[in-house]
PDB file of N, CA and C in Angstrom:
ATOM      1  N   UNK A   1      -4.218 -22.672  -3.820  1.00  0.00           N
ATOM      2  CA  UNK A   1      -3.417 -21.764  -3.029  1.00  0.00           C
ATOM      3  C   UNK A   1      -2.999 -20.589  -3.915  1.00  0.00           C
ATOM      4  N   UNK A   2      -3.066 -19.415  -3.364  1.00  0.00           N
ATOM      5  CA  UNK A   2      -2.619 -18.215  -4.059  1.00  0.00           C
ATOM      6  C   UNK A   2      -1.328 -17.725  -3.428  1.00  0.00           C
ATOM      7  N   UNK A   3      -0.352 -17.446  -4.251  1.00  0.00           N
ATOM      8  CA  UNK A   3       0.920 -16.910  -3.776  1.00  0.00           C
ATOM      9  C   UNK A   3       1.059 -15.496  -4.296  1.00  0.00           C
ATOM     10  N   UNK A   4       1.241 -14.543  -3.402  1.00  0.00           N
ATOM     11  CA  UNK A   4       1.457 -13.157  -3.781  1.00  0.00           C
ATOM     12  C   UNK A   4       2.860 -12.736  -3.363  1.00  0.00           C
ATOM     13  N   UNK A   5       3.461 -11.906  -4.175  1.00  0.00           N
ATOM     14  CA  UNK A   5       4.814 -11.423  -3.920  1.00  0.00           C
ATOM     15  C   UNK A   5       4.776  -9.916  -3.731  1.00  0.00           C
ATOM     16  N   UNK A   6       5.534  -9.410  -2.758  1.00  0.00           N
ATOM     17  CA  UNK A   6       5.641  -7.967  -2.587  1.00  0.00           C
ATOM     18  C   UNK A   6       6.471  -7.423  -3.735  1.00  0.00           C
ATOM     19  N   UNK A   7       5.829  -6.627  -4.583  1.00  0.00           N
ATOM     20  CA  UNK A   7       6.478  -6.075  -5.762  1.00  0.00           C
ATOM     21  C   UNK A   7       7.191  -4.765  -5.445  1.00  0.00           C
ATOM     22  N   UNK A   8       6.563  -3.942  -4.608  1.00  0.00           N
ATOM     23  CA  UNK A   8       7.129  -2.635  -4.283  1.00  0.00           C
ATOM     24  C   UNK A   8       6.523  -2.167  -2.967  1.00  0.00           C
ATOM     25  N   UNK A   9       7.307  -1.403  -2.207  1.00  0.00           N
ATOM     26  CA  UNK A   9       6.828  -0.786  -0.973  1.00  0.00           C
ATOM     27  C   UNK A   9       7.026   0.716  -1.112  1.00  0.00           C
ATOM     28  N   UNK A  10       5.957   1.463  -0.858  1.00  0.00           N
ATOM     29  CA  UNK A  10       6.007   2.920  -0.924  1.00  0.00           C
ATOM     30  C   UNK A  10       5.681   3.499   0.445  1.00  0.00           C
ATOM     31  N   UNK A  11       6.311   4.604   0.782  1.00  0.00           N
ATOM     32  CA  UNK A  11       5.980   5.362   1.979  1.00  0.00           C
ATOM     33  C   UNK A  11       5.567   6.748   1.514  1.00  0.00           C
ATOM     34  N   UNK A  12       4.321   7.115   1.750  1.00  0.00           N
ATOM     35  CA  UNK A  12       3.816   8.420   1.325  1.00  0.00           C
ATOM     36  C   UNK A  12       3.391   9.203   2.553  1.00  0.00           C
ATOM     37  N   UNK A  13       3.827  10.486   2.628  1.00  0.00           N
ATOM     38  CA  UNK A  13       3.459  11.290   3.794  1.00  0.00           C
ATOM     39  C   UNK A  13       2.474  12.373   3.407  1.00  0.00           C
ATOM     40  N   UNK A  14       2.067  13.142   4.412  1.00  0.00           N
ATOM     41  CA  UNK A  14       1.108  14.216   4.200  1.00  0.00           C
ATOM     42  C   UNK A  14       1.736  15.568   4.534  1.00  0.00           C
ATOM     43  N   UNK A  15       3.013  15.709   4.356  1.00  0.00           N
ATOM     44  CA  UNK A  15       3.771  16.928   4.622  1.00  0.00           C
ATOM     45  C   UNK A  15       3.836  17.264   6.105  1.00  0.00           C
ATOM     46  N   UNK A  16       3.418  16.350   6.964  1.00  0.00           N
ATOM     47  CA  UNK A  16       3.547  16.500   8.411  1.00  0.00           C
ATOM     48  C   UNK A  16       4.264  15.290   8.977  1.00  0.00           C
ATOM     49  N   UNK A  17       4.996  14.601   8.118  1.00  0.00           N
ATOM     50  CA  UNK A  17       5.737  13.395   8.485  1.00  0.00           C
ATOM     51  C   UNK A  17       4.850  12.309   9.066  1.00  0.00           C
ATOM     52  N   UNK A  18       3.597  12.222   8.606  1.00  0.00           N
ATOM     53  CA  UNK A  18       2.705  11.137   8.962  1.00  0.00           C
ATOM     54  C   UNK A  18       2.620  10.227   7.742  1.00  0.00           C
ATOM     55  N   UNK A  19       3.400   9.159   7.776  1.00  0.00           N
ATOM     56  CA  UNK A  19       3.519   8.274   6.627  1.00  0.00           C
ATOM     57  C   UNK A  19       2.493   7.167   6.656  1.00  0.00           C
ATOM     58  N   UNK A  20       2.059   6.773   5.475  1.00  0.00           N
ATOM     59  CA  UNK A  20       1.351   5.516   5.280  1.00  0.00           C
ATOM     60  C   UNK A  20       2.275   4.646   4.443  1.00  0.00           C
ATOM     61  N   UNK A  21       2.240   3.367   4.738  1.00  0.00           N
ATOM     62  CA  UNK A  21       3.073   2.397   4.009  1.00  0.00           C
ATOM     63  C   UNK A  21       2.163   1.608   3.068  1.00  0.00           C
ATOM     64  N   UNK A  22       2.570   1.512   1.818  1.00  0.00           N
ATOM     65  CA  UNK A  22       1.804   0.796   0.798  1.00  0.00           C
ATOM     66  C   UNK A  22       2.629  -0.373   0.281  1.00  0.00           C
ATOM     67  N   UNK A  23       2.132  -1.595   0.452  1.00  0.00           N
ATOM     68  CA  UNK A  23       2.789  -2.785  -0.090  1.00  0.00           C
ATOM     69  C   UNK A  23       1.998  -3.226  -1.316  1.00  0.00           C
ATOM     70  N   UNK A  24       2.633  -3.150  -2.474  1.00  0.00           N
ATOM     71  CA  UNK A  24       1.993  -3.568  -3.715  1.00  0.00           C
ATOM     72  C   UNK A  24       2.304  -5.043  -3.932  1.00  0.00           C
ATOM     73  N   UNK A  25       1.246  -5.852  -3.994  1.00  0.00           N
ATOM     74  CA  UNK A  25       1.398  -7.294  -4.139  1.00  0.00           C
ATOM     75  C   UNK A  25       1.064  -7.726  -5.563  1.00  0.00           C
ATOM     76  N   UNK A  26       1.838  -8.674  -6.071  1.00  0.00           N
ATOM     77  CA  UNK A  26       1.658  -9.182  -7.430  1.00  0.00           C
ATOM     78  C   UNK A  26       1.385 -10.681  -7.399  1.00  0.00           C
ATOM     79  N   UNK A  27       0.663 -11.157  -8.405  1.00  0.00           N
ATOM     80  CA  UNK A  27       0.387 -12.595  -8.526  1.00  0.00           C
ATOM     81  C   UNK A  27       1.573 -13.307  -9.183  1.00  0.00           C
ATOM     82  N   UNK A  28       1.389 -14.585  -9.477  1.00  0.00           N
ATOM     83  CA  UNK A  28       2.476 -15.392 -10.042  1.00  0.00           C
ATOM     84  C   UNK A  28       2.944 -14.877 -11.406  1.00  0.00           C
ATOM     85  N   UNK A  29       2.068 -14.193 -12.125  1.00  0.00           N
ATOM     86  CA  UNK A  29       2.412 -13.647 -13.445  1.00  0.00           C
ATOM     87  C   UNK A  29       3.116 -12.288 -13.346  1.00  0.00           C
ATOM     88  N   UNK A  30       3.263 -11.773 -12.128  1.00  0.00           N
ATOM     89  CA  UNK A  30       3.929 -10.486 -11.944  1.00  0.00           C
ATOM     90  C   UNK A  30       3.003  -9.289 -12.064  1.00  0.00           C
ATOM     91  N   UNK A  31       1.689  -9.548 -12.170  1.00  0.00           N
ATOM     92  CA  UNK A  31       0.712  -8.466 -12.280  1.00  0.00           C
ATOM     93  C   UNK A  31       0.349  -7.956 -10.883  1.00  0.00           C
ATOM     94  N   UNK A  32       0.445  -6.655 -10.679  1.00  0.00           N
ATOM     95  CA  UNK A  32       0.011  -6.056  -9.415  1.00  0.00           C
ATOM     96  C   UNK A  32      -1.501  -6.230  -9.291  1.00  0.00           C
ATOM     97  N   UNK A  33      -1.943  -6.802  -8.169  1.00  0.00           N
ATOM     98  CA  UNK A  33      -3.376  -7.057  -8.016  1.00  0.00           C
ATOM     99  C   UNK A  33      -3.962  -6.514  -6.712  1.00  0.00           C
ATOM    100  N   UNK A  34      -3.111  -6.184  -5.739  1.00  0.00           N
ATOM    101  CA  UNK A  34      -3.614  -5.778  -4.435  1.00  0.00           C
ATOM    102  C   UNK A  34      -2.597  -4.876  -3.756  1.00  0.00           C
ATOM    103  N   UNK A  35      -3.096  -3.892  -3.003  1.00  0.00           N
ATOM    104  CA  UNK A  35      -2.224  -3.023  -2.228  1.00  0.00           C
ATOM    105  C   UNK A  35      -2.679  -3.087  -0.774  1.00  0.00           C
ATOM    106  N   UNK A  36      -1.752  -3.363   0.132  1.00  0.00           N
ATOM    107  CA  UNK A  36      -2.045  -3.325   1.559  1.00  0.00           C
ATOM    108  C   UNK A  36      -1.584  -1.969   2.092  1.00  0.00           C
ATOM    109  N   UNK A  37      -2.474  -1.299   2.822  1.00  0.00           N
ATOM    110  CA  UNK A  37      -2.176   0.020   3.368  1.00  0.00           C
ATOM    111  C   UNK A  37      -1.959  -0.132   4.867  1.00  0.00           C
ATOM    112  N   UNK A  38      -0.848   0.421   5.351  1.00  0.00           N
ATOM    113  CA  UNK A  38      -0.507   0.297   6.765  1.00  0.00           C
ATOM    114  C   UNK A  38      -0.141   1.663   7.335  1.00  0.00           C
ATOM    115  N   UNK A  39      -0.396   1.823   8.625  1.00  0.00           N
ATOM    116  CA  UNK A  39       0.049   3.031   9.321  1.00  0.00           C
ATOM    117  C   UNK A  39       0.852   2.626  10.551  1.00  0.00           C
ATOM    118  N   UNK A  40       1.718   3.498  10.974  1.00  0.00           N
ATOM    119  CA  UNK A  40       2.572   3.227  12.128  1.00  0.00           C
ATOM    120  C   UNK A  40       1.827   3.606  13.402  1.00  0.00           C
ATOM    121  N   UNK A  41       1.769   2.661  14.328  1.00  0.00           N
ATOM    122  CA  UNK A  41       1.154   2.916  15.621  1.00  0.00           C
ATOM    123  C   UNK A  41       2.236   2.881  16.683  1.00  0.00           C
ATOM    124  N   UNK A  42       2.252   3.886  17.532  1.00  0.00           N
ATOM    125  CA  UNK A  42       3.241   3.987  18.604  1.00  0.00           C
ATOM    126  C   UNK A  42       2.674   3.306  19.845  1.00  0.00           C
ATOM    127  N   UNK A  43       3.466   2.447  20.464  1.00  0.00           N
ATOM    128  CA  UNK A  43       3.083   1.753  21.691  1.00  0.00           C
ATOM    129  C   UNK A  43       4.062   2.139  22.791  1.00  0.00           C
ATOM    130  N   UNK A  44       3.569   2.168  24.027  1.00  0.00           N
ATOM    131  CA  UNK A  44       4.463   2.472  25.148  1.00  0.00           C
ATOM    132  C   UNK A  44       3.976   1.755  26.388  1.00  0.00           C
ATOM    133  N   UNK A  45       4.940   1.115  27.054  1.00  0.00           N
ATOM    134  CA  UNK A  45       4.700   0.507  28.350  1.00  0.00           C
ATOM    135  C   UNK A  45       5.832   0.987  29.246  1.00  0.00           C
ATOM    136  N   UNK A  46       5.508   1.786  30.235  1.00  0.00           N
ATOM    137  CA  UNK A  46       6.534   2.353  31.095  1.00  0.00           C
ATOM    138  C   UNK A  46       7.509   3.191  30.264  1.00  0.00           C
ATOM    139  N   UNK A  47       8.787   2.873  30.382  1.00  0.00           N
ATOM    140  CA  UNK A  47       9.821   3.602  29.657  1.00  0.00           C
ATOM    141  C   UNK A  47      10.058   3.041  28.258  1.00  0.00           C
ATOM    142  N   UNK A  48       9.494   1.865  27.974  1.00  0.00           N
ATOM    143  CA  UNK A  48       9.703   1.206  26.688  1.00  0.00           C
ATOM    144  C   UNK A  48       8.681   1.679  25.669  1.00  0.00           C
ATOM    145  N   UNK A  49       9.162   2.105  24.507  1.00  0.00           N
ATOM    146  CA  UNK A  49       8.265   2.574  23.459  1.00  0.00           C
ATOM    147  C   UNK A  49       8.715   1.992  22.125  1.00  0.00           C
ATOM    148  N   UNK A  50       7.750   1.630  21.256  1.00  0.00           N
ATOM    149  CA  UNK A  50       8.066   1.064  19.950  1.00  0.00           C
ATOM    150  C   UNK A  50       6.899   1.339  18.999  1.00  0.00           C
ATOM    151  N   UNK A  51       7.197   1.226  17.722  1.00  0.00           N
ATOM    152  CA  UNK A  51       6.179   1.432  16.690  1.00  0.00           C
ATOM    153  C   UNK A  51       6.007   0.136  15.894  1.00  0.00           C
ATOM    154  N   UNK A  52       4.788  -0.092  15.451  1.00  0.00           N
ATOM    155  CA  UNK A  52       4.489  -1.243  14.596  1.00  0.00           C
ATOM    156  C   UNK A  52       3.637  -0.762  13.417  1.00  0.00           C
ATOM    157  N   UNK A  53       3.835  -1.397  12.257  1.00  0.00           N
ATOM    158  CA  UNK A  53       3.000  -1.101  11.100  1.00  0.00           C
ATOM    159  C   UNK A  53       1.763  -1.982  11.193  1.00  0.00           C
ATOM    160  N   UNK A  54       0.587  -1.364  11.112  1.00  0.00           N
ATOM    161  CA  UNK A  54      -0.679  -2.051  11.241  1.00  0.00           C
ATOM    162  C   UNK A  54      -1.528  -1.806   9.986  1.00  0.00           C
ATOM    163  N   UNK A  55      -2.095  -2.894   9.446  1.00  0.00           N
ATOM    164  CA  UNK A  55      -2.921  -2.766   8.242  1.00  0.00           C
ATOM    165  C   UNK A  55      -4.194  -1.995   8.571  1.00  0.00           C
ATOM    166  N   UNK A  56      -4.487  -0.970   7.753  1.00  0.00           N
ATOM    167  CA  UNK A  56      -5.682  -0.172   7.945  1.00  0.00           C
ATOM    168  C   UNK A  56      -6.618  -0.216   6.747  1.00  0.00           C
ATOM    169  N   UNK A  57      -6.123  -0.705   5.613  1.00  0.00           N
ATOM    170  CA  UNK A  57      -6.966  -0.730   4.410  1.00  0.00           C
ATOM    171  C   UNK A  57      -6.354  -1.669   3.380  1.00  0.00           C
ATOM    172  N   UNK A  58      -7.159  -2.055   2.399  1.00  0.00           N
ATOM    173  CA  UNK A  58      -6.716  -2.811   1.227  1.00  0.00           C
ATOM    174  C   UNK A  58      -7.258  -2.111  -0.003  1.00  0.00           C
ATOM    175  N   UNK A  59      -6.426  -2.018  -1.016  1.00  0.00           N
ATOM    176  CA  UNK A  59      -6.852  -1.432  -2.280  1.00  0.00           C
ATOM    177  C   UNK A  59      -6.827  -2.531  -3.346  1.00  0.00           C
ATOM    178  N   UNK A  60      -7.961  -3.155  -3.639  1.00  0.00           N
ATOM    179  CA  UNK A  60      -7.960  -4.117  -4.726  1.00  0.00           C
ATOM    180  C   UNK A  60      -7.858  -3.351  -6.049  1.00  0.00           C
ATOM    181  N   UNK A  61      -7.039  -3.846  -6.944  1.00  0.00           N
ATOM    182  CA  UNK A  61      -6.880  -3.201  -8.242  1.00  0.00           C
ATOM    183  C   UNK A  61      -7.852  -3.837  -9.229  1.00  0.00           C
ATOM    184  N   UNK A  62      -8.416  -3.052 -10.143  1.00  0.00           N
ATOM    185  CA  UNK A  62      -9.397  -3.595 -11.096  1.00  0.00           C
ATOM    186  C   UNK A  62      -8.785  -4.701 -11.956  1.00  0.00           C
ATOM    187  N   UNK A  63      -9.263  -5.915 -11.794  1.00  0.00           N
ATOM    188  CA  UNK A  63      -8.699  -7.077 -12.476  1.00  0.00           C
ATOM    189  C   UNK A  63      -8.792  -6.951 -13.993  1.00  0.00           C
ATOM    190  N   UNK A  64      -9.886  -6.396 -14.486  1.00  0.00           N
ATOM    191  CA  UNK A  64     -10.042  -6.285 -15.940  1.00  0.00           C
ATOM    192  C   UNK A  64      -9.012  -5.332 -16.547  1.00  0.00           C
ATOM    193  N   UNK A  65      -8.618  -4.292 -15.813  1.00  0.00           N
ATOM    194  CA  UNK A  65      -7.620  -3.356 -16.327  1.00  0.00           C
ATOM    195  C   UNK A  65      -6.204  -3.906 -16.194  1.00  0.00           C
ATOM    196  N   UNK A  66      -5.878  -4.479 -15.034  1.00  0.00           N
ATOM    197  CA  UNK A  66      -4.518  -4.973 -14.823  1.00  0.00           C
ATOM    198  C   UNK A  66      -4.234  -6.218 -15.656  1.00  0.00           C
ATOM    199  N   UNK A  67      -5.263  -7.012 -15.959  1.00  0.00           N
ATOM    200  CA  UNK A  67      -5.057  -8.211 -16.767  1.00  0.00           C
ATOM    201  C   UNK A  67      -4.628  -7.859 -18.194  1.00  0.00           C
ATOM    202  N   UNK A  68      -5.119  -6.747 -18.713  1.00  0.00           N
ATOM    203  CA  UNK A  68      -4.768  -6.315 -20.063  1.00  0.00           C
ATOM    204  C   UNK A  68      -3.419  -5.607 -20.108  1.00  0.00           C
ATOM    205  N   UNK A  69      -2.963  -5.127 -18.968  1.00  0.00           N
ATOM    206  CA  UNK A  69      -1.740  -4.321 -18.915  1.00  0.00           C
ATOM    207  C   UNK A  69      -0.502  -5.199 -18.786  1.00  0.00           C
ATOM    208  N   UNK A  70       0.629  -4.643 -19.175  1.00  0.00           N
ATOM    209  CA  UNK A  70       1.906  -5.310 -18.925  1.00  0.00           C
ATOM    210  C   UNK A  70       2.182  -5.205 -17.423  1.00  0.00           C
ATOM    211  N   UNK A  71       3.081  -6.024 -16.873  1.00  0.00           N
ATOM    212  CA  UNK A  71       3.398  -5.911 -15.454  1.00  0.00           C
ATOM    213  C   UNK A  71       3.851  -4.494 -15.060  1.00  0.00           C
ATOM    214  N   UNK A  72       4.585  -3.826 -15.947  1.00  0.00           N
ATOM    215  CA  UNK A  72       5.051  -2.462 -15.642  1.00  0.00           C
ATOM    216  C   UNK A  72       3.885  -1.474 -15.600  1.00  0.00           C
ATOM    217  N   UNK A  73       2.944  -1.627 -16.539  1.00  0.00           N
ATOM    218  CA  UNK A  73       1.764  -0.754 -16.555  1.00  0.00           C
ATOM    219  C   UNK A  73       0.880  -1.019 -15.336  1.00  0.00           C
ATOM    220  N   UNK A  74       0.735  -2.280 -14.959  1.00  0.00           N
ATOM    221  CA  UNK A  74      -0.052  -2.620 -13.782  1.00  0.00           C
ATOM    222  C   UNK A  74       0.573  -2.049 -12.519  1.00  0.00           C
ATOM    223  N   UNK A  75       1.903  -2.077 -12.441  1.00  0.00           N
ATOM    224  CA  UNK A  75       2.601  -1.492 -11.302  1.00  0.00           C
ATOM    225  C   UNK A  75       2.362   0.006 -11.268  1.00  0.00           C
ATOM    226  N   UNK A  76       2.415   0.670 -12.404  1.00  0.00           N
ATOM    227  CA  UNK A  76       2.161   2.117 -12.475  1.00  0.00           C
ATOM    228  C   UNK A  76       0.737   2.429 -12.026  1.00  0.00           C
ATOM    229  N   UNK A  77      -0.236   1.593 -12.426  1.00  0.00           N
ATOM    230  CA  UNK A  77      -1.627   1.776 -11.987  1.00  0.00           C
ATOM    231  C   UNK A  77      -1.727   1.655 -10.463  1.00  0.00           C
ATOM    232  N   UNK A  78      -1.001   0.690  -9.903  1.00  0.00           N
ATOM    233  CA  UNK A  78      -1.014   0.480  -8.457  1.00  0.00           C
ATOM    234  C   UNK A  78      -0.408   1.693  -7.738  1.00  0.00           C
ATOM    235  N   UNK A  79       0.688   2.212  -8.270  1.00  0.00           N
ATOM    236  CA  UNK A  79       1.324   3.382  -7.653  1.00  0.00           C
ATOM    237  C   UNK A  79       0.375   4.577  -7.704  1.00  0.00           C
ATOM    238  N   UNK A  80      -0.303   4.760  -8.838  1.00  0.00           N
ATOM    239  CA  UNK A  80      -1.268   5.847  -8.961  1.00  0.00           C
ATOM    240  C   UNK A  80      -2.412   5.697  -7.951  1.00  0.00           C
ATOM    241  N   UNK A  81      -2.859   4.455  -7.732  1.00  0.00           N
ATOM    242  CA  UNK A  81      -3.919   4.192  -6.749  1.00  0.00           C
ATOM    243  C   UNK A  81      -3.442   4.536  -5.342  1.00  0.00           C
ATOM    244  N   UNK A  82      -2.173   4.258  -5.044  1.00  0.00           N
ATOM    245  CA  UNK A  82      -1.601   4.589  -3.736  1.00  0.00           C
ATOM    246  C   UNK A  82      -1.579   6.107  -3.530  1.00  0.00           C
ATOM    247  N   UNK A  83      -1.130   6.831  -4.545  1.00  0.00           N
ATOM    248  CA  UNK A  83      -1.052   8.294  -4.446  1.00  0.00           C
ATOM    249  C   UNK A  83      -2.453   8.887  -4.254  1.00  0.00           C
ATOM    250  N   UNK A  84      -3.422   8.378  -5.004  1.00  0.00           N
ATOM    251  CA  UNK A  84      -4.798   8.860  -4.864  1.00  0.00           C
ATOM    252  C   UNK A  84      -5.341   8.547  -3.468  1.00  0.00           C
ATOM    253  N   UNK A  85      -5.099   7.345  -2.989  1.00  0.00           N
ATOM    254  CA  UNK A  85      -5.560   6.946  -1.660  1.00  0.00           C
ATOM    255  C   UNK A  85      -4.950   7.838  -0.580  1.00  0.00           C
ATOM    256  N   UNK A  86      -3.645   8.127  -0.694  1.00  0.00           N
ATOM    257  CA  UNK A  86      -2.977   8.948   0.317  1.00  0.00           C
ATOM    258  C   UNK A  86      -3.542  10.363   0.328  1.00  0.00           C
ATOM    259  N   UNK A  87      -3.846  10.924  -0.839  1.00  0.00           N
ATOM    260  CA  UNK A  87      -4.435  12.254  -0.923  1.00  0.00           C
ATOM    261  C   UNK A  87      -5.808  12.282  -0.257  1.00  0.00           C
ATOM    262  N   UNK A  88      -6.604  11.236  -0.460  1.00  0.00           N
ATOM    263  CA  UNK A  88      -7.928  11.166   0.149  1.00  0.00           C
ATOM    264  C   UNK A  88      -7.826  10.910   1.640  1.00  0.00           C
ATOM    265  N   UNK A  89      -6.871  10.088   2.053  1.00  0.00           N
ATOM    266  CA  UNK A  89      -6.684   9.785   3.487  1.00  0.00           C
ATOM    267  C   UNK A  89      -6.305  11.064   4.220  1.00  0.00           C
ATOM    268  N   UNK A  90      -5.468  11.870   3.611  1.00  0.00           N
ATOM    269  CA  UNK A  90      -5.048  13.140   4.200  1.00  0.00           C
ATOM    270  C   UNK A  90      -6.252  14.042   4.409  1.00  0.00           C
ATOM    271  N   UNK A  91      -7.176  14.051   3.470  1.00  0.00           N
ATOM    272  CA  UNK A  91      -8.360  14.889   3.587  1.00  0.00           C
ATOM    273  C   UNK A  91      -9.265  14.419   4.731  1.00  0.00           C
ATOM    274  N   UNK A  92      -9.249  13.087   5.019  1.00  0.00           N
ATOM    275  CA  UNK A  92     -10.079  12.540   6.078  1.00  0.00           C
ATOM    276  C   UNK A  92      -9.522  12.874   7.454  1.00  0.00           C
ATOM    277  N   UNK A  93      -8.193  12.922   7.545  1.00  0.00           N
ATOM    278  CA  UNK A  93      -7.552  13.092   8.858  1.00  0.00           C
ATOM    279  C   UNK A  93      -7.691  14.496   9.387  1.00  0.00           C
TER     280      UNK A  93
END
């Protein structure tokens, strides 16, 4: 069994208030190993409307690099991967 812990949650926008949510997950040793990318989807039925975060991507972090890094360095690598992903996602949209 693998247990992952949410280490950090980031919300990054594209200057049009369109946010993506990034959940950085760490293993038992505290090393960031995976990032779940989510976007907010608006739902409406009649007069009732609500938003839900839906997973749209996963960013696996390079195991060989994060294994050599301290937990803080691995977290910084994960944050950098999120920022890079958001910049590329913005270009796609």
